[in-house]
Amino acid sequence: MVKYSRTIKSVSYLQKDDRVRISVNELGKFPIGLDISVYPDELMELDGILKNDPALTLVDGDKIRVFYGGCSDQMLVQASGIIDNHIIFYKTGLKEKPSAEDAGYDWRDWSDYFGYTRGSD
């Protein structure tokens, strides 16, 4: 499977004064035990990670904090979208970047919105 650059390469979180990193496996899941692997949305629900300032490292090298200011009450929209796209990518076995149509968007023409047409005044 081709790697989509906006998928998650690893998740890190604080443990005492160090960052612990969990790398993704070939199924797009993160190992949390000997025989247990979970998708990143399930990983973010674990208290040991949820309350310890998790951050995502993407395949393209970008690093994104999951929660605003490290406070587990406010997940950043960007992080949520990346987690959702990661799951879609691995569960559907996509071979390339998802298109707008794959995500359910249909932006054929701006004239559908507020009477706007391109090129007219």
PDB file of N, CA and C in Angstrom:
ATOM      1  N   MET A   1       0.839  -1.180   0.000  1.00  0.00           N
ATOM      2  CA  MET A   1       0.000   0.000   0.000  1.00  0.00           C
ATOM      3  C   MET A   1       0.889   1.250   0.000  1.00  0.00           C
ATOM      4  N   VAL A   2       0.572   2.203  -0.835  1.00  0.00           N
ATOM      5  CA  VAL A   2       1.279   3.467  -0.901  1.00  0.00           C
ATOM      6  C   VAL A   2       0.936   4.283   0.339  1.00  0.00           C
ATOM      7  N   LYS A   3       1.916   4.951   0.909  1.00  0.00           N
ATOM      8  CA  LYS A   3       1.666   5.795   2.076  1.00  0.00           C
ATOM      9  C   LYS A   3       1.137   7.149   1.635  1.00  0.00           C
ATOM     10  N   TYR A   4       0.061   7.576   2.235  1.00  0.00           N
ATOM     11  CA  TYR A   4      -0.490   8.913   2.031  1.00  0.00           C
ATOM     12  C   TYR A   4       0.235   9.835   3.004  1.00  0.00           C
ATOM     13  N   SER A   5       0.792  10.949   2.537  1.00  0.00           N
ATOM     14  CA  SER A   5       1.667  11.783   3.356  1.00  0.00           C
ATOM     15  C   SER A   5       0.981  12.401   4.570  1.00  0.00           C
ATOM     16  N   ARG A   6      -0.337  12.473   4.580  1.00  0.00           N
ATOM     17  CA  ARG A   6      -1.035  13.057   5.728  1.00  0.00           C
ATOM     18  C   ARG A   6      -1.588  11.973   6.663  1.00  0.00           C
ATOM     19  N   THR A   7      -1.018  10.783   6.614  1.00  0.00           N
ATOM     20  CA  THR A   7      -1.365   9.757   7.596  1.00  0.00           C
ATOM     21  C   THR A   7      -0.363   9.837   8.747  1.00  0.00           C
ATOM     22  N   ILE A   8      -0.674   9.164   9.815  1.00  0.00           N
ATOM     23  CA  ILE A   8       0.121   9.252  11.036  1.00  0.00           C
ATOM     24  C   ILE A   8       1.243   8.214  11.011  1.00  0.00           C
ATOM     25  N   LYS A   9       2.443   8.683  11.258  1.00  0.00           N
ATOM     26  CA  LYS A   9       3.613   7.802  11.339  1.00  0.00           C
ATOM     27  C   LYS A   9       3.799   7.303  12.776  1.00  0.00           C
ATOM     28  N   SER A  10       3.592   8.215  13.747  1.00  0.00           N
ATOM     29  CA  SER A  10       3.722   7.832  15.151  1.00  0.00           C
ATOM     30  C   SER A  10       2.938   8.794  16.034  1.00  0.00           C
ATOM     31  N   VAL A  11       2.666   8.335  17.241  1.00  0.00           N
ATOM     32  CA  VAL A  11       2.018   9.149  18.267  1.00  0.00           C
ATOM     33  C   VAL A  11       2.976   9.191  19.447  1.00  0.00           C
ATOM     34  N   SER A  12       3.184  10.397  19.975  1.00  0.00           N
ATOM     35  CA  SER A  12       4.023  10.511  21.169  1.00  0.00           C
ATOM     36  C   SER A  12       3.216  11.139  22.294  1.00  0.00           C
ATOM     37  N   TYR A  13       3.629  10.859  23.511  1.00  0.00           N
ATOM     38  CA  TYR A  13       2.964  11.421  24.692  1.00  0.00           C
ATOM     39  C   TYR A  13       3.980  11.504  25.820  1.00  0.00           C
ATOM     40  N   LEU A  14       3.694  12.357  26.795  1.00  0.00           N
ATOM     41  CA  LEU A  14       4.602  12.534  27.921  1.00  0.00           C
ATOM     42  C   LEU A  14       4.454  11.411  28.929  1.00  0.00           C
ATOM     43  N   GLN A  15       5.599  10.956  29.406  1.00  0.00           N
ATOM     44  CA  GLN A  15       5.616   9.980  30.494  1.00  0.00           C
ATOM     45  C   GLN A  15       6.750  10.419  31.405  1.00  0.00           C
ATOM     46  N   LYS A  16       6.377  10.968  32.563  1.00  0.00           N
ATOM     47  CA  LYS A  16       7.316  11.644  33.465  1.00  0.00           C
ATOM     48  C   LYS A  16       7.885  12.838  32.708  1.00  0.00           C
ATOM     49  N   ASP A  17       9.169  12.885  32.446  1.00  0.00           N
ATOM     50  CA  ASP A  17       9.753  14.039  31.742  1.00  0.00           C
ATOM     51  C   ASP A  17      10.181  13.716  30.321  1.00  0.00           C
ATOM     52  N   ASP A  18       9.847  12.539  29.830  1.00  0.00           N
ATOM     53  CA  ASP A  18      10.248  12.110  28.490  1.00  0.00           C
ATOM     54  C   ASP A  18       9.034  11.886  27.609  1.00  0.00           C
ATOM     55  N   ARG A  19       9.252  11.967  26.303  1.00  0.00           N
ATOM     56  CA  ARG A  19       8.204  11.637  25.339  1.00  0.00           C
ATOM     57  C   ARG A  19       8.371  10.190  24.914  1.00  0.00           C
ATOM     58  N   VAL A  20       7.282   9.459  24.989  1.00  0.00           N
ATOM     59  CA  VAL A  20       7.253   8.067  24.535  1.00  0.00           C
ATOM     60  C   VAL A  20       6.604   8.063  23.162  1.00  0.00           C
ATOM     61  N   ARG A  21       7.171   7.320  22.227  1.00  0.00           N
ATOM     62  CA  ARG A  21       6.666   7.278  20.857  1.00  0.00           C
ATOM     63  C   ARG A  21       6.158   5.883  20.525  1.00  0.00           C
ATOM     64  N   ILE A  22       4.952   5.834  19.934  1.00  0.00           N
ATOM     65  CA  ILE A  22       4.380   4.573  19.465  1.00  0.00           C
ATOM     66  C   ILE A  22       4.259   4.681  17.954  1.00  0.00           C
ATOM     67  N   SER A  23       4.896   3.792  17.226  1.00  0.00           N
ATOM     68  CA  SER A  23       4.870   3.827  15.759  1.00  0.00           C
ATOM     69  C   SER A  23       3.720   3.000  15.213  1.00  0.00           C
ATOM     70  N   VAL A  24       3.235   3.411  14.053  1.00  0.00           N
ATOM     71  CA  VAL A  24       2.133   2.725  13.392  1.00  0.00           C
ATOM     72  C   VAL A  24       2.627   1.405  12.796  1.00  0.00           C
ATOM     73  N   ASN A  25       1.750   0.403  12.766  1.00  0.00           N
ATOM     74  CA  ASN A  25       2.116  -0.853  12.101  1.00  0.00           C
ATOM     75  C   ASN A  25       1.582  -0.848  10.660  1.00  0.00           C
ATOM     76  N   GLU A  26       1.778  -1.926   9.944  1.00  0.00           N
ATOM     77  CA  GLU A  26       1.385  -1.983   8.522  1.00  0.00           C
ATOM     78  C   GLU A  26      -0.128  -1.933   8.312  1.00  0.00           C
ATOM     79  N   LEU A  27      -0.908  -2.143   9.363  1.00  0.00           N
ATOM     80  CA  LEU A  27      -2.369  -2.073   9.271  1.00  0.00           C
ATOM     81  C   LEU A  27      -2.923  -0.702   9.637  1.00  0.00           C
ATOM     82  N   GLY A  28      -2.023   0.240   9.980  1.00  0.00           N
ATOM     83  CA  GLY A  28      -2.460   1.578  10.362  1.00  0.00           C
ATOM     84  C   GLY A  28      -2.848   1.672  11.822  1.00  0.00           C
ATOM     85  N   LYS A  29      -2.503   0.650  12.603  1.00  0.00           N
ATOM     86  CA  LYS A  29      -2.853   0.620  14.022  1.00  0.00           C
ATOM     87  C   LYS A  29      -1.604   0.822  14.875  1.00  0.00           C
ATOM     88  N   PHE A  30      -1.842   1.103  16.155  1.00  0.00           N
ATOM     89  CA  PHE A  30      -0.757   1.341  17.096  1.00  0.00           C
ATOM     90  C   PHE A  30      -0.767   0.266  18.166  1.00  0.00           C
ATOM     91  N   PRO A  31       0.362  -0.458  18.320  1.00  0.00           N
ATOM     92  CA  PRO A  31       0.413  -1.528  19.319  1.00  0.00           C
ATOM     93  C   PRO A  31       0.437  -0.959  20.732  1.00  0.00           C
ATOM     94  N   ILE A  32      -0.459  -1.482  21.594  1.00  0.00           N
ATOM     95  CA  ILE A  32      -0.494  -1.032  22.990  1.00  0.00           C
ATOM     96  C   ILE A  32      -0.289  -2.190  23.961  1.00  0.00           C
ATOM     97  N   GLY A  33      -0.101  -3.364  23.438  1.00  0.00           N
ATOM     98  CA  GLY A  33       0.140  -4.550  24.258  1.00  0.00           C
ATOM     99  C   GLY A  33       0.758  -5.612  23.382  1.00  0.00           C
ATOM    100  N   LEU A  34       0.939  -6.775  23.940  1.00  0.00           N
ATOM    101  CA  LEU A  34       1.552  -7.858  23.168  1.00  0.00           C
ATOM    102  C   LEU A  34       0.729  -8.224  21.933  1.00  0.00           C
ATOM    103  N   ASP A  35      -0.564  -8.359  22.093  1.00  0.00           N
ATOM    104  CA  ASP A  35      -1.415  -8.766  20.978  1.00  0.00           C
ATOM    105  C   ASP A  35      -2.524  -7.760  20.683  1.00  0.00           C
ATOM    106  N   ILE A  36      -2.377  -6.534  21.168  1.00  0.00           N
ATOM    107  CA  ILE A  36      -3.447  -5.545  20.997  1.00  0.00           C
ATOM    108  C   ILE A  36      -2.928  -4.350  20.211  1.00  0.00           C
ATOM    109  N   SER A  37      -3.643  -4.005  19.149  1.00  0.00           N
ATOM    110  CA  SER A  37      -3.350  -2.811  18.359  1.00  0.00           C
ATOM    111  C   SER A  37      -4.655  -2.074  18.133  1.00  0.00           C
ATOM    112  N   VAL A  38      -4.598  -0.739  18.163  1.00  0.00           N
ATOM    113  CA  VAL A  38      -5.808   0.064  18.011  1.00  0.00           C
ATOM    114  C   VAL A  38      -5.566   1.189  17.013  1.00  0.00           C
ATOM    115  N   TYR A  39      -6.653   1.672  16.417  1.00  0.00           N
ATOM    116  CA  TYR A  39      -6.580   2.847  15.554  1.00  0.00           C
ATOM    117  C   TYR A  39      -6.361   4.082  16.424  1.00  0.00           C
ATOM    118  N   PRO A  40      -5.900   5.188  15.837  1.00  0.00           N
ATOM    119  CA  PRO A  40      -5.554   6.360  16.646  1.00  0.00           C
ATOM    120  C   PRO A  40      -6.714   6.972  17.436  1.00  0.00           C
ATOM    121  N   ASP A  41      -7.951   6.852  16.951  1.00  0.00           N
ATOM    122  CA  ASP A  41      -9.074   7.402  17.716  1.00  0.00           C
ATOM    123  C   ASP A  41      -9.247   6.656  19.039  1.00  0.00           C
ATOM    124  N   GLU A  42      -9.045   5.338  19.009  1.00  0.00           N
ATOM    125  CA  GLU A  42      -9.128   4.530  20.229  1.00  0.00           C
ATOM    126  C   GLU A  42      -7.928   4.803  21.141  1.00  0.00           C
ATOM    127  N   LEU A  43      -6.784   5.057  20.534  1.00  0.00           N
ATOM    128  CA  LEU A  43      -5.576   5.363  21.293  1.00  0.00           C
ATOM    129  C   LEU A  43      -5.762   6.646  22.100  1.00  0.00           C
ATOM    130  N   MET A  44      -6.416   7.639  21.497  1.00  0.00           N
ATOM    131  CA  MET A  44      -6.632   8.931  22.166  1.00  0.00           C
ATOM    132  C   MET A  44      -7.616   8.831  23.332  1.00  0.00           C
ATOM    133  N   GLU A  45      -8.336   7.727  23.441  1.00  0.00           N
ATOM    134  CA  GLU A  45      -9.282   7.532  24.543  1.00  0.00           C
ATOM    135  C   GLU A  45      -8.640   6.891  25.772  1.00  0.00           C
ATOM    136  N   LEU A  46      -7.414   6.426  25.647  1.00  0.00           N
ATOM    137  CA  LEU A  46      -6.724   5.791  26.765  1.00  0.00           C
ATOM    138  C   LEU A  46      -6.204   6.858  27.719  1.00  0.00           C
ATOM    139  N   ASP A  47      -6.532   6.742  29.006  1.00  0.00           N
ATOM    140  CA  ASP A  47      -6.137   7.756  29.992  1.00  0.00           C
ATOM    141  C   ASP A  47      -4.639   8.030  30.003  1.00  0.00           C
ATOM    142  N   GLY A  48      -3.835   6.999  29.852  1.00  0.00           N
ATOM    143  CA  GLY A  48      -2.389   7.175  29.873  1.00  0.00           C
ATOM    144  C   GLY A  48      -1.870   8.032  28.743  1.00  0.00           C
ATOM    145  N   ILE A  49      -2.625   8.159  27.682  1.00  0.00           N
ATOM    146  CA  ILE A  49      -2.234   8.992  26.542  1.00  0.00           C
ATOM    147  C   ILE A  49      -3.050  10.278  26.529  1.00  0.00           C
ATOM    148  N   LEU A  50      -4.344  10.156  26.735  1.00  0.00           N
ATOM    149  CA  LEU A  50      -5.271  11.295  26.708  1.00  0.00           C
ATOM    150  C   LEU A  50      -4.816  12.447  27.590  1.00  0.00           C
ATOM    151  N   LYS A  51      -4.373  12.155  28.787  1.00  0.00           N
ATOM    152  CA  LYS A  51      -4.027  13.190  29.766  1.00  0.00           C
ATOM    153  C   LYS A  51      -2.551  13.567  29.751  1.00  0.00           C
ATOM    154  N   ASN A  52      -1.807  13.085  28.772  1.00  0.00           N
ATOM    155  CA  ASN A  52      -0.361  13.324  28.748  1.00  0.00           C
ATOM    156  C   ASN A  52       0.118  13.974  27.460  1.00  0.00           C
ATOM    157  N   ASP A  53      -0.629  14.961  26.979  1.00  0.00           N
ATOM    158  CA  ASP A  53      -0.248  15.811  25.852  1.00  0.00           C
ATOM    159  C   ASP A  53       0.207  15.031  24.608  1.00  0.00           C
ATOM    160  N   PRO A  54      -0.692  14.228  24.009  1.00  0.00           N
ATOM    161  CA  PRO A  54      -0.300  13.480  22.815  1.00  0.00           C
ATOM    162  C   PRO A  54      -0.035  14.398  21.619  1.00  0.00           C
ATOM    163  N   ALA A  55       0.860  13.948  20.765  1.00  0.00           N
ATOM    164  CA  ALA A  55       1.186  14.665  19.528  1.00  0.00           C
ATOM    165  C   ALA A  55       1.296  13.646  18.402  1.00  0.00           C
ATOM    166  N   LEU A  56       0.920  14.062  17.197  1.00  0.00           N
ATOM    167  CA  LEU A  56       0.989  13.200  16.017  1.00  0.00           C
ATOM    168  C   LEU A  56       2.201  13.585  15.187  1.00  0.00           C
ATOM    169  N   THR A  57       2.933  12.603  14.694  1.00  0.00           N
ATOM    170  CA  THR A  57       3.968  12.836  13.697  1.00  0.00           C
ATOM    171  C   THR A  57       3.462  12.192  12.419  1.00  0.00           C
ATOM    172  N   LEU A  58       3.379  12.983  11.352  1.00  0.00           N
ATOM    173  CA  LEU A  58       2.839  12.501  10.090  1.00  0.00           C
ATOM    174  C   LEU A  58       3.941  11.948   9.198  1.00  0.00           C
ATOM    175  N   VAL A  59       3.542  11.195   8.199  1.00  0.00           N
ATOM    176  CA  VAL A  59       4.484  10.592   7.260  1.00  0.00           C
ATOM    177  C   VAL A  59       5.329  11.665   6.578  1.00  0.00           C
ATOM    178  N   ASP A  60       4.738  12.845   6.323  1.00  0.00           N
ATOM    179  CA  ASP A  60       5.489  13.917   5.653  1.00  0.00           C
ATOM    180  C   ASP A  60       6.387  14.706   6.611  1.00  0.00           C
ATOM    181  N   GLY A  61       6.419  14.319   7.907  1.00  0.00           N
ATOM    182  CA  GLY A  61       7.303  14.952   8.870  1.00  0.00           C
ATOM    183  C   GLY A  61       6.648  16.010   9.747  1.00  0.00           C
ATOM    184  N   ASP A  62       5.444  16.457   9.397  1.00  0.00           N
ATOM    185  CA  ASP A  62       4.746  17.442  10.226  1.00  0.00           C
ATOM    186  C   ASP A  62       4.441  16.854  11.596  1.00  0.00           C
ATOM    187  N   LYS A  63       4.465  17.725  12.600  1.00  0.00           N
ATOM    188  CA  LYS A  63       4.105  17.324  13.961  1.00  0.00           C
ATOM    189  C   LYS A  63       2.924  18.177  14.393  1.00  0.00           C
ATOM    190  N   ILE A  64       1.909  17.538  14.943  1.00  0.00           N
ATOM    191  CA  ILE A  64       0.681  18.228  15.314  1.00  0.00           C
ATOM    192  C   ILE A  64       0.274  17.815  16.720  1.00  0.00           C
ATOM    193  N   ARG A  65       0.047  18.804  17.542  1.00  0.00           N
ATOM    194  CA  ARG A  65      -0.459  18.551  18.885  1.00  0.00           C
ATOM    195  C   ARG A  65      -1.923  18.140  18.770  1.00  0.00           C
ATOM    196  N   VAL A  66      -2.378  17.199  19.575  1.00  0.00           N
ATOM    197  CA  VAL A  66      -3.742  16.694  19.480  1.00  0.00           C
ATOM    198  C   VAL A  66      -4.732  17.596  20.207  1.00  0.00           C
ATOM    199  N   PHE A  67      -4.344  18.109  21.364  1.00  0.00           N
ATOM    200  CA  PHE A  67      -5.253  18.912  22.172  1.00  0.00           C
ATOM    201  C   PHE A  67      -4.726  20.330  22.334  1.00  0.00           C
ATOM    202  N   TYR A  68      -5.632  21.274  22.349  1.00  0.00           N
ATOM    203  CA  TYR A  68      -5.286  22.680  22.502  1.00  0.00           C
ATOM    204  C   TYR A  68      -4.612  22.909  23.854  1.00  0.00           C
ATOM    205  N   GLY A  69      -3.388  23.388  23.816  1.00  0.00           N
ATOM    206  CA  GLY A  69      -2.660  23.653  25.060  1.00  0.00           C
ATOM    207  C   GLY A  69      -2.397  22.416  25.893  1.00  0.00           C
ATOM    208  N   GLY A  70      -2.524  21.251  25.301  1.00  0.00           N
ATOM    209  CA  GLY A  70      -2.315  20.015  26.041  1.00  0.00           C
ATOM    210  C   GLY A  70      -3.488  19.624  26.928  1.00  0.00           C
ATOM    211  N   CYS A  71      -4.563  20.432  26.914  1.00  0.00           N
ATOM    212  CA  CYS A  71      -5.746  20.163  27.738  1.00  0.00           C
ATOM    213  C   CYS A  71      -6.649  19.164  27.013  1.00  0.00           C
ATOM    214  N   SER A  72      -6.876  18.011  27.600  1.00  0.00           N
ATOM    215  CA  SER A  72      -7.592  16.931  26.915  1.00  0.00           C
ATOM    216  C   SER A  72      -9.083  17.193  26.728  1.00  0.00           C
ATOM    217  N   ASP A  73      -9.565  18.369  27.099  1.00  0.00           N
ATOM    218  CA  ASP A  73     -10.974  18.716  26.882  1.00  0.00           C
ATOM    219  C   ASP A  73     -11.225  19.295  25.499  1.00  0.00           C
ATOM    220  N   GLN A  74     -10.165  19.751  24.805  1.00  0.00           N
ATOM    221  CA  GLN A  74     -10.344  20.464  23.544  1.00  0.00           C
ATOM    222  C   GLN A  74      -9.458  19.886  22.440  1.00  0.00           C
ATOM    223  N   MET A  75      -9.975  18.896  21.705  1.00  0.00           N
ATOM    224  CA  MET A  75      -9.206  18.330  20.596  1.00  0.00           C
ATOM    225  C   MET A  75      -9.191  19.326  19.442  1.00  0.00           C
ATOM    226  N   LEU A  76      -8.031  19.507  18.852  1.00  0.00           N
ATOM    227  CA  LEU A  76      -7.906  20.402  17.715  1.00  0.00           C
ATOM    228  C   LEU A  76      -8.587  19.789  16.491  1.00  0.00           C
ATOM    229  N   VAL A  77      -9.268  20.615  15.740  1.00  0.00           N
ATOM    230  CA  VAL A  77      -9.994  20.145  14.554  1.00  0.00           C
ATOM    231  C   VAL A  77      -9.030  19.512  13.549  1.00  0.00           C
ATOM    232  N   GLN A  78      -7.874  20.121  13.362  1.00  0.00           N
ATOM    233  CA  GLN A  78      -6.895  19.582  12.425  1.00  0.00           C
ATOM    234  C   GLN A  78      -6.467  18.170  12.830  1.00  0.00           C
ATOM    235  N   ALA A  79      -6.207  17.966  14.110  1.00  0.00           N
ATOM    236  CA  ALA A  79      -5.815  16.642  14.592  1.00  0.00           C
ATOM    237  C   ALA A  79      -6.943  15.633  14.402  1.00  0.00           C
ATOM    238  N   SER A  80      -8.166  16.050  14.682  1.00  0.00           N
ATOM    239  CA  SER A  80      -9.319  15.174  14.502  1.00  0.00           C
ATOM    240  C   SER A  80      -9.473  14.751  13.044  1.00  0.00           C
ATOM    241  N   GLY A  81      -9.312  15.697  12.134  1.00  0.00           N
ATOM    242  CA  GLY A  81      -9.406  15.387  10.703  1.00  0.00           C
ATOM    243  C   GLY A  81      -8.318  14.445  10.238  1.00  0.00           C
ATOM    244  N   ILE A  82      -7.109  14.637  10.729  1.00  0.00           N
ATOM    245  CA  ILE A  82      -5.996  13.757  10.357  1.00  0.00           C
ATOM    246  C   ILE A  82      -6.238  12.344  10.882  1.00  0.00           C
ATOM    247  N   ILE A  83      -6.736  12.237  12.109  1.00  0.00           N
ATOM    248  CA  ILE A  83      -7.055  10.919  12.673  1.00  0.00           C
ATOM    249  C   ILE A  83      -8.134  10.240  11.831  1.00  0.00           C
ATOM    250  N   ASP A  84      -9.189  10.976  11.472  1.00  0.00           N
ATOM    251  CA  ASP A  84     -10.260  10.410  10.635  1.00  0.00           C
ATOM    252  C   ASP A  84      -9.730   9.968   9.276  1.00  0.00           C
ATOM    253  N   ASN A  85      -8.917  10.804   8.630  1.00  0.00           N
ATOM    254  CA  ASN A  85      -8.361  10.458   7.315  1.00  0.00           C
ATOM    255  C   ASN A  85      -7.445   9.244   7.402  1.00  0.00           C
ATOM    256  N   HIS A  86      -6.673   9.157   8.479  1.00  0.00           N
ATOM    257  CA  HIS A  86      -5.789   8.010   8.691  1.00  0.00           C
ATOM    258  C   HIS A  86      -6.600   6.713   8.731  1.00  0.00           C
ATOM    259  N   ILE A  87      -7.688   6.735   9.493  1.00  0.00           N
ATOM    260  CA  ILE A  87      -8.532   5.547   9.625  1.00  0.00           C
ATOM    261  C   ILE A  87      -9.173   5.188   8.290  1.00  0.00           C
ATOM    262  N   ILE A  88      -9.708   6.174   7.588  1.00  0.00           N
ATOM    263  CA  ILE A  88     -10.325   5.926   6.273  1.00  0.00           C
ATOM    264  C   ILE A  88      -9.301   5.334   5.316  1.00  0.00           C
ATOM    265  N   PHE A  89      -8.105   5.912   5.298  1.00  0.00           N
ATOM    266  CA  PHE A  89      -7.044   5.452   4.398  1.00  0.00           C
ATOM    267  C   PHE A  89      -6.713   3.980   4.624  1.00  0.00           C
ATOM    268  N   TYR A  90      -6.528   3.595   5.891  1.00  0.00           N
ATOM    269  CA  TYR A  90      -6.148   2.212   6.173  1.00  0.00           C
ATOM    270  C   TYR A  90      -7.309   1.236   6.117  1.00  0.00           C
ATOM    271  N   LYS A  91      -8.489   1.646   6.512  1.00  0.00           N
ATOM    272  CA  LYS A  91      -9.628   0.722   6.485  1.00  0.00           C
ATOM    273  C   LYS A  91     -10.103   0.437   5.070  1.00  0.00           C
ATOM    274  N   THR A  92      -9.991   1.407   4.174  1.00  0.00           N
ATOM    275  CA  THR A  92     -10.466   1.200   2.811  1.00  0.00           C
ATOM    276  C   THR A  92      -9.364   0.706   1.892  1.00  0.00           C
ATOM    277  N   GLY A  93      -8.123   0.714   2.363  1.00  0.00           N
ATOM    278  CA  GLY A  93      -7.020   0.243   1.538  1.00  0.00           C
ATOM    279  C   GLY A  93      -6.750   1.137   0.347  1.00  0.00           C
ATOM    280  N   LEU A  94      -6.937   2.434   0.508  1.00  0.00           N
ATOM    281  CA  LEU A  94      -6.717   3.371  -0.593  1.00  0.00           C
ATOM    282  C   LEU A  94      -5.277   3.316  -1.067  1.00  0.00           C
ATOM    283  N   LYS A  95      -5.070   3.537  -2.337  1.00  0.00           N
ATOM    284  CA  LYS A  95      -3.735   3.517  -2.909  1.00  0.00           C
ATOM    285  C   LYS A  95      -3.182   4.911  -3.138  1.00  0.00           C
ATOM    286  N   GLU A  96      -3.998   5.920  -2.955  1.00  0.00           N
ATOM    287  CA  GLU A  96      -3.556   7.298  -3.164  1.00  0.00           C
ATOM    288  C   GLU A  96      -4.354   8.223  -2.270  1.00  0.00           C
ATOM    289  N   LYS A  97      -4.026   9.510  -2.332  1.00  0.00           N
ATOM    290  CA  LYS A  97      -4.710  10.514  -1.520  1.00  0.00           C
ATOM    291  C   LYS A  97      -6.203  10.493  -1.801  1.00  0.00           C
ATOM    292  N   PRO A  98      -7.048  10.524  -0.743  1.00  0.00           N
ATOM    293  CA  PRO A  98      -8.492  10.576  -0.963  1.00  0.00           C
ATOM    294  C   PRO A  98      -8.893  11.864  -1.686  1.00  0.00           C
ATOM    295  N   SER A  99      -9.837  11.767  -2.582  1.00  0.00           N
ATOM    296  CA  SER A  99     -10.331  12.953  -3.290  1.00  0.00           C
ATOM    297  C   SER A  99     -11.497  13.550  -2.517  1.00  0.00           C
ATOM    298  N   ALA A 100     -11.946  14.725  -2.949  1.00  0.00           N
ATOM    299  CA  ALA A 100     -13.092  15.372  -2.305  1.00  0.00           C
ATOM    300  C   ALA A 100     -14.336  14.489  -2.429  1.00  0.00           C
ATOM    301  N   GLU A 101     -14.468  13.792  -3.558  1.00  0.00           N
ATOM    302  CA  GLU A 101     -15.627  12.911  -3.750  1.00  0.00           C
ATOM    303  C   GLU A 101     -15.591  11.746  -2.763  1.00  0.00           C
ATOM    304  N   ASP A 102     -14.374  11.222  -2.475  1.00  0.00           N
ATOM    305  CA  ASP A 102     -14.246  10.129  -1.506  1.00  0.00           C
ATOM    306  C   ASP A 102     -14.689  10.574  -0.125  1.00  0.00           C
ATOM    307  N   ALA A 103     -14.461  11.844   0.177  1.00  0.00           N
ATOM    308  CA  ALA A 103     -14.816  12.376   1.488  1.00  0.00           C
ATOM    309  C   ALA A 103     -16.286  12.784   1.566  1.00  0.00           C
ATOM    310  N   GLY A 104     -16.996  12.706   0.438  1.00  0.00           N
ATOM    311  CA  GLY A 104     -18.409  13.033   0.438  1.00  0.00           C
ATOM    312  C   GLY A 104     -18.724  14.454   0.018  1.00  0.00           C
ATOM    313  N   TYR A 105     -17.712  15.191  -0.491  1.00  0.00           N
ATOM    314  CA  TYR A 105     -17.943  16.562  -0.927  1.00  0.00           C
ATOM    315  C   TYR A 105     -18.284  16.586  -2.404  1.00  0.00           C
ATOM    316  N   ASP A 106     -19.150  17.497  -2.772  1.00  0.00           N
ATOM    317  CA  ASP A 106     -19.535  17.626  -4.170  1.00  0.00           C
ATOM    318  C   ASP A 106     -19.524  19.117  -4.528  1.00  0.00           C
ATOM    319  N   TRP A 107     -18.362  19.607  -4.935  1.00  0.00           N
ATOM    320  CA  TRP A 107     -18.197  21.032  -5.239  1.00  0.00           C
ATOM    321  C   TRP A 107     -18.152  21.252  -6.748  1.00  0.00           C
ATOM    322  N   ARG A 108     -19.202  20.888  -7.429  1.00  0.00           N
ATOM    323  CA  ARG A 108     -19.224  21.034  -8.887  1.00  0.00           C
ATOM    324  C   ARG A 108     -19.197  22.484  -9.333  1.00  0.00           C
ATOM    325  N   ASP A 109     -19.979  23.290  -8.654  1.00  0.00           N
ATOM    326  CA  ASP A 109     -20.172  24.648  -9.138  1.00  0.00           C
ATOM    327  C   ASP A 109     -20.516  25.546  -7.954  1.00  0.00           C
ATOM    328  N   TRP A 110     -19.848  26.694  -7.878  1.00  0.00           N
ATOM    329  CA  TRP A 110     -20.108  27.629  -6.778  1.00  0.00           C
ATOM    330  C   TRP A 110     -21.464  28.309  -6.917  1.00  0.00           C
ATOM    331  N   SER A 111     -22.096  28.215  -8.080  1.00  0.00           N
ATOM    332  CA  SER A 111     -23.379  28.894  -8.258  1.00  0.00           C
ATOM    333  C   SER A 111     -24.466  28.309  -7.360  1.00  0.00           C
ATOM    334  N   ASP A 112     -24.229  27.102  -6.845  1.00  0.00           N
ATOM    335  CA  ASP A 112     -25.183  26.502  -5.919  1.00  0.00           C
ATOM    336  C   ASP A 112     -25.204  27.232  -4.579  1.00  0.00           C
ATOM    337  N   TYR A 113     -24.162  28.010  -4.315  1.00  0.00           N
ATOM    338  CA  TYR A 113     -24.009  28.646  -3.013  1.00  0.00           C
ATOM    339  C   TYR A 113     -24.166  30.157  -3.124  1.00  0.00           C
ATOM    340  N   PHE A 114     -25.210  30.685  -2.553  1.00  0.00           N
ATOM    341  CA  PHE A 114     -25.462  32.116  -2.439  1.00  0.00           C
ATOM    342  C   PHE A 114     -25.556  32.813  -3.801  1.00  0.00           C
ATOM    343  N   GLY A 115     -25.897  32.093  -4.839  1.00  0.00           N
ATOM    344  CA  GLY A 115     -26.082  32.695  -6.150  1.00  0.00           C
ATOM    345  C   GLY A 115     -24.773  33.137  -6.797  1.00  0.00           C
ATOM    346  N   TYR A 116     -23.658  32.697  -6.295  1.00  0.00           N
ATOM    347  CA  TYR A 116     -22.347  33.102  -6.808  1.00  0.00           C
ATOM    348  C   TYR A 116     -22.037  32.356  -8.103  1.00  0.00           C
ATOM    349  N   THR A 117     -21.560  33.065  -9.100  1.00  0.00           N
ATOM    350  CA  THR A 117     -21.067  32.432 -10.331  1.00  0.00           C
ATOM    351  C   THR A 117     -19.677  32.979 -10.610  1.00  0.00           C
ATOM    352  N   ARG A 118     -18.804  32.152 -11.048  1.00  0.00           N
ATOM    353  CA  ARG A 118     -17.431  32.588 -11.354  1.00  0.00           C
ATOM    354  C   ARG A 118     -17.422  33.508 -12.561  1.00  0.00           C
ATOM    355  N   GLY A 119     -16.591  34.517 -12.464  1.00  0.00           N
ATOM    356  CA  GLY A 119     -16.377  35.397 -13.600  1.00  0.00           C
ATOM    357  C   GLY A 119     -17.463  36.446 -13.804  1.00  0.00           C
ATOM    358  N   SER A 120     -18.480  36.464 -13.005  1.00  0.00           N
ATOM    359  CA  SER A 120     -19.503  37.496 -13.168  1.00  0.00           C
ATOM    360  C   SER A 120     -19.442  38.464 -12.011  1.00  0.00           C
ATOM    361  N   ASP A 121     -19.944  39.637 -12.230  1.00  0.00           N
ATOM    362  CA  ASP A 121     -19.913  40.677 -11.184  1.00  0.00           C
ATOM    363  C   ASP A 121     -21.155  40.641 -10.351  1.00  0.00           C
TER     364      ASP A 121
END
